């Protein structure tokens, strides 16, 4: 089996992080709607922080999944 559980988890986290980042870009009020709080007083600063963090997580998990896949196929 080339792809192990570790790769699948990392790839899944990369996709999930990327999708949430895109969701936050498109629908900025989802955080307020889901959690019922306004951490930045509706300025939008918190949403940009969330987008940056989620994109960083997506990139990091993608690189980890890629390294895991390369280690298994070499």
N, C-alpha and C. Protein backbone atom coordinates (compact mmCIF):
# COMPACT_ATOMS: atom_id res chain seq x y z
N UNK A 1 0.85 -1.19 0.00
CA UNK A 1 0.00 0.00 0.00
C UNK A 1 0.89 1.24 0.00
N UNK A 2 0.79 2.03 -1.05
CA UNK A 2 1.64 3.22 -1.17
C UNK A 2 1.19 4.32 -0.22
N UNK A 3 -0.06 4.63 -0.21
CA UNK A 3 -0.55 5.71 0.64
C UNK A 3 -1.00 5.15 1.98
N UNK A 4 -0.36 5.60 3.04
CA UNK A 4 -0.71 5.14 4.36
C UNK A 4 -1.69 6.07 5.05
N UNK A 5 -1.99 5.72 6.26
CA UNK A 5 -2.93 6.51 7.04
C UNK A 5 -2.39 7.91 7.31
N UNK A 6 -1.08 8.01 7.56
CA UNK A 6 -0.46 9.29 7.84
C UNK A 6 -0.64 10.26 6.67
N UNK A 7 -0.39 9.75 5.46
CA UNK A 7 -0.57 10.59 4.27
C UNK A 7 -2.01 11.03 4.13
N UNK A 8 -2.94 10.12 4.34
CA UNK A 8 -4.36 10.43 4.18
C UNK A 8 -4.81 11.49 5.18
N UNK A 9 -4.33 11.39 6.41
CA UNK A 9 -4.69 12.38 7.43
C UNK A 9 -4.13 13.75 7.06
N UNK A 10 -2.87 13.79 6.66
CA UNK A 10 -2.24 15.07 6.30
C UNK A 10 -2.90 15.68 5.07
N UNK A 11 -3.19 14.86 4.08
CA UNK A 11 -3.85 15.36 2.87
C UNK A 11 -5.26 15.84 3.20
N UNK A 12 -5.97 15.12 4.04
CA UNK A 12 -7.31 15.55 4.44
C UNK A 12 -7.29 16.86 5.21
N UNK A 13 -6.32 17.02 6.09
CA UNK A 13 -6.20 18.29 6.82
C UNK A 13 -5.83 19.44 5.88
N UNK A 14 -5.01 19.16 4.88
CA UNK A 14 -4.65 20.20 3.90
C UNK A 14 -5.88 20.65 3.12
N UNK A 15 -6.67 19.69 2.66
CA UNK A 15 -7.88 20.02 1.90
C UNK A 15 -8.89 20.76 2.78
N UNK A 16 -9.07 20.28 4.00
CA UNK A 16 -10.02 20.93 4.92
C UNK A 16 -9.61 22.36 5.24
N UNK A 17 -8.33 22.56 5.50
CA UNK A 17 -7.83 23.90 5.81
C UNK A 17 -8.02 24.83 4.61
N UNK A 18 -7.70 24.33 3.44
CA UNK A 18 -7.86 25.14 2.24
C UNK A 18 -9.32 25.50 1.97
N UNK A 19 -10.21 24.54 2.16
CA UNK A 19 -11.63 24.80 1.94
C UNK A 19 -12.17 25.82 2.95
N UNK A 20 -11.77 25.69 4.20
CA UNK A 20 -12.22 26.67 5.21
C UNK A 20 -11.65 28.05 4.92
N UNK A 21 -10.42 28.12 4.42
CA UNK A 21 -9.84 29.42 4.07
C UNK A 21 -10.63 30.05 2.93
N UNK A 22 -10.97 29.25 1.92
CA UNK A 22 -11.77 29.78 0.80
C UNK A 22 -13.17 30.17 1.26
N UNK A 23 -13.76 29.37 2.14
CA UNK A 23 -15.07 29.71 2.68
C UNK A 23 -15.03 31.04 3.41
N UNK A 24 -13.97 31.27 4.16
CA UNK A 24 -13.83 32.53 4.89
C UNK A 24 -13.65 33.70 3.94
N UNK A 25 -12.96 33.48 2.83
CA UNK A 25 -12.81 34.55 1.84
C UNK A 25 -14.14 34.90 1.18
N UNK A 26 -14.94 33.88 0.90
CA UNK A 26 -16.21 34.08 0.19
C UNK A 26 -17.31 34.55 1.15
N UNK A 27 -17.43 33.91 2.27
CA UNK A 27 -18.49 34.19 3.25
C UNK A 27 -17.84 34.59 4.57
N UNK A 28 -17.52 35.86 4.70
CA UNK A 28 -16.75 36.33 5.86
C UNK A 28 -17.51 36.23 7.19
N UNK A 29 -18.82 36.18 7.14
CA UNK A 29 -19.60 36.18 8.38
C UNK A 29 -19.89 34.79 8.94
N UNK A 30 -19.29 33.74 8.36
CA UNK A 30 -19.62 32.40 8.85
C UNK A 30 -19.15 32.19 10.28
N UNK A 31 -18.08 32.82 10.68
CA UNK A 31 -17.58 32.66 12.06
C UNK A 31 -18.60 33.23 13.05
N UNK A 32 -19.09 34.42 12.76
CA UNK A 32 -20.11 35.02 13.62
C UNK A 32 -21.40 34.20 13.62
N UNK A 33 -21.77 33.67 12.45
CA UNK A 33 -23.00 32.89 12.36
C UNK A 33 -22.90 31.58 13.13
N UNK A 34 -21.76 30.92 13.04
CA UNK A 34 -21.60 29.62 13.70
C UNK A 34 -21.41 29.78 15.21
N UNK A 35 -20.53 30.71 15.60
CA UNK A 35 -20.19 30.83 17.02
C UNK A 35 -20.96 31.92 17.76
N UNK A 36 -21.62 32.80 17.03
CA UNK A 36 -22.42 33.84 17.66
C UNK A 36 -21.62 34.92 18.36
N UNK A 37 -20.37 35.11 17.97
CA UNK A 37 -19.52 36.15 18.58
C UNK A 37 -18.94 37.03 17.49
N UNK A 38 -18.53 38.21 17.87
CA UNK A 38 -17.90 39.17 16.96
C UNK A 38 -16.57 39.59 17.58
N UNK A 39 -15.51 38.77 17.41
CA UNK A 39 -14.26 39.03 18.11
C UNK A 39 -13.55 40.31 17.69
N UNK A 40 -13.84 40.83 16.53
CA UNK A 40 -13.16 42.04 16.06
C UNK A 40 -14.11 43.24 15.94
N UNK A 41 -15.27 43.14 16.52
CA UNK A 41 -16.23 44.25 16.44
C UNK A 41 -16.70 44.51 15.02
N UNK A 42 -16.76 43.46 14.21
CA UNK A 42 -17.21 43.52 12.81
C UNK A 42 -16.29 44.31 11.88
N UNK A 43 -15.01 44.42 12.25
CA UNK A 43 -14.08 45.15 11.38
C UNK A 43 -13.54 44.29 10.25
N UNK A 44 -13.58 42.97 10.42
CA UNK A 44 -13.06 42.07 9.40
C UNK A 44 -11.62 41.66 9.62
N UNK A 45 -10.96 42.23 10.60
CA UNK A 45 -9.55 41.91 10.86
C UNK A 45 -9.38 40.45 11.30
N UNK A 46 -10.29 39.97 12.11
CA UNK A 46 -10.19 38.59 12.58
C UNK A 46 -10.34 37.60 11.43
N UNK A 47 -11.22 37.90 10.50
CA UNK A 47 -11.42 37.02 9.36
C UNK A 47 -10.15 36.92 8.51
N UNK A 48 -9.46 38.04 8.32
CA UNK A 48 -8.21 38.01 7.56
C UNK A 48 -7.14 37.20 8.29
N UNK A 49 -7.13 37.28 9.61
CA UNK A 49 -6.20 36.47 10.39
C UNK A 49 -6.53 34.99 10.23
N UNK A 50 -7.81 34.66 10.25
CA UNK A 50 -8.24 33.27 10.07
C UNK A 50 -7.86 32.77 8.68
N UNK A 51 -8.06 33.58 7.65
CA UNK A 51 -7.71 33.19 6.27
C UNK A 51 -6.21 32.92 6.18
N UNK A 52 -5.40 33.81 6.73
CA UNK A 52 -3.95 33.63 6.68
C UNK A 52 -3.52 32.37 7.41
N UNK A 53 -4.08 32.15 8.59
CA UNK A 53 -3.71 30.96 9.37
C UNK A 53 -4.14 29.67 8.66
N UNK A 54 -5.33 29.67 8.08
CA UNK A 54 -5.82 28.48 7.39
C UNK A 54 -5.03 28.19 6.12
N UNK A 55 -4.68 29.22 5.37
CA UNK A 55 -3.85 29.00 4.18
C UNK A 55 -2.46 28.50 4.58
N UNK A 56 -1.89 29.04 5.66
CA UNK A 56 -0.60 28.57 6.14
C UNK A 56 -0.69 27.10 6.57
N UNK A 57 -1.77 26.74 7.24
CA UNK A 57 -1.97 25.35 7.64
C UNK A 57 -2.13 24.45 6.43
N UNK A 58 -2.87 24.90 5.43
CA UNK A 58 -3.06 24.11 4.22
C UNK A 58 -1.73 23.86 3.51
N UNK A 59 -0.90 24.88 3.42
CA UNK A 59 0.41 24.73 2.79
C UNK A 59 1.29 23.78 3.61
N UNK A 60 1.30 23.96 4.92
CA UNK A 60 2.12 23.11 5.78
C UNK A 60 1.69 21.65 5.69
N UNK A 61 0.39 21.39 5.78
CA UNK A 61 -0.09 20.01 5.68
C UNK A 61 0.16 19.42 4.30
N UNK A 62 0.07 20.23 3.27
CA UNK A 62 0.37 19.75 1.91
C UNK A 62 1.83 19.33 1.80
N UNK A 63 2.71 20.14 2.33
CA UNK A 63 4.14 19.81 2.29
C UNK A 63 4.44 18.56 3.11
N UNK A 64 3.79 18.43 4.26
CA UNK A 64 3.99 17.23 5.08
C UNK A 64 3.47 15.98 4.37
N UNK A 65 2.32 16.09 3.72
CA UNK A 65 1.77 14.95 2.98
C UNK A 65 2.67 14.58 1.81
N UNK A 66 3.19 15.59 1.13
CA UNK A 66 4.09 15.34 0.01
C UNK A 66 5.36 14.63 0.48
N UNK A 67 5.92 15.09 1.59
CA UNK A 67 7.12 14.45 2.13
C UNK A 67 6.82 13.01 2.54
N UNK A 68 5.66 12.78 3.14
CA UNK A 68 5.28 11.43 3.53
C UNK A 68 5.13 10.53 2.32
N UNK A 69 4.52 11.04 1.27
CA UNK A 69 4.33 10.26 0.05
C UNK A 69 5.67 9.94 -0.61
N UNK A 70 6.55 10.93 -0.66
CA UNK A 70 7.87 10.70 -1.24
C UNK A 70 8.68 9.70 -0.44
N UNK A 71 8.56 9.74 0.87
CA UNK A 71 9.29 8.80 1.72
C UNK A 71 8.80 7.38 1.50
N UNK A 72 7.51 7.22 1.26
CA UNK A 72 6.94 5.88 1.05
C UNK A 72 7.25 5.33 -0.34
N UNK A 73 7.41 6.20 -1.33
CA UNK A 73 7.64 5.72 -2.70
C UNK A 73 9.11 5.60 -3.06
N UNK A 74 10.00 6.10 -2.20
CA UNK A 74 11.44 5.99 -2.51
C UNK A 74 12.02 4.70 -2.03
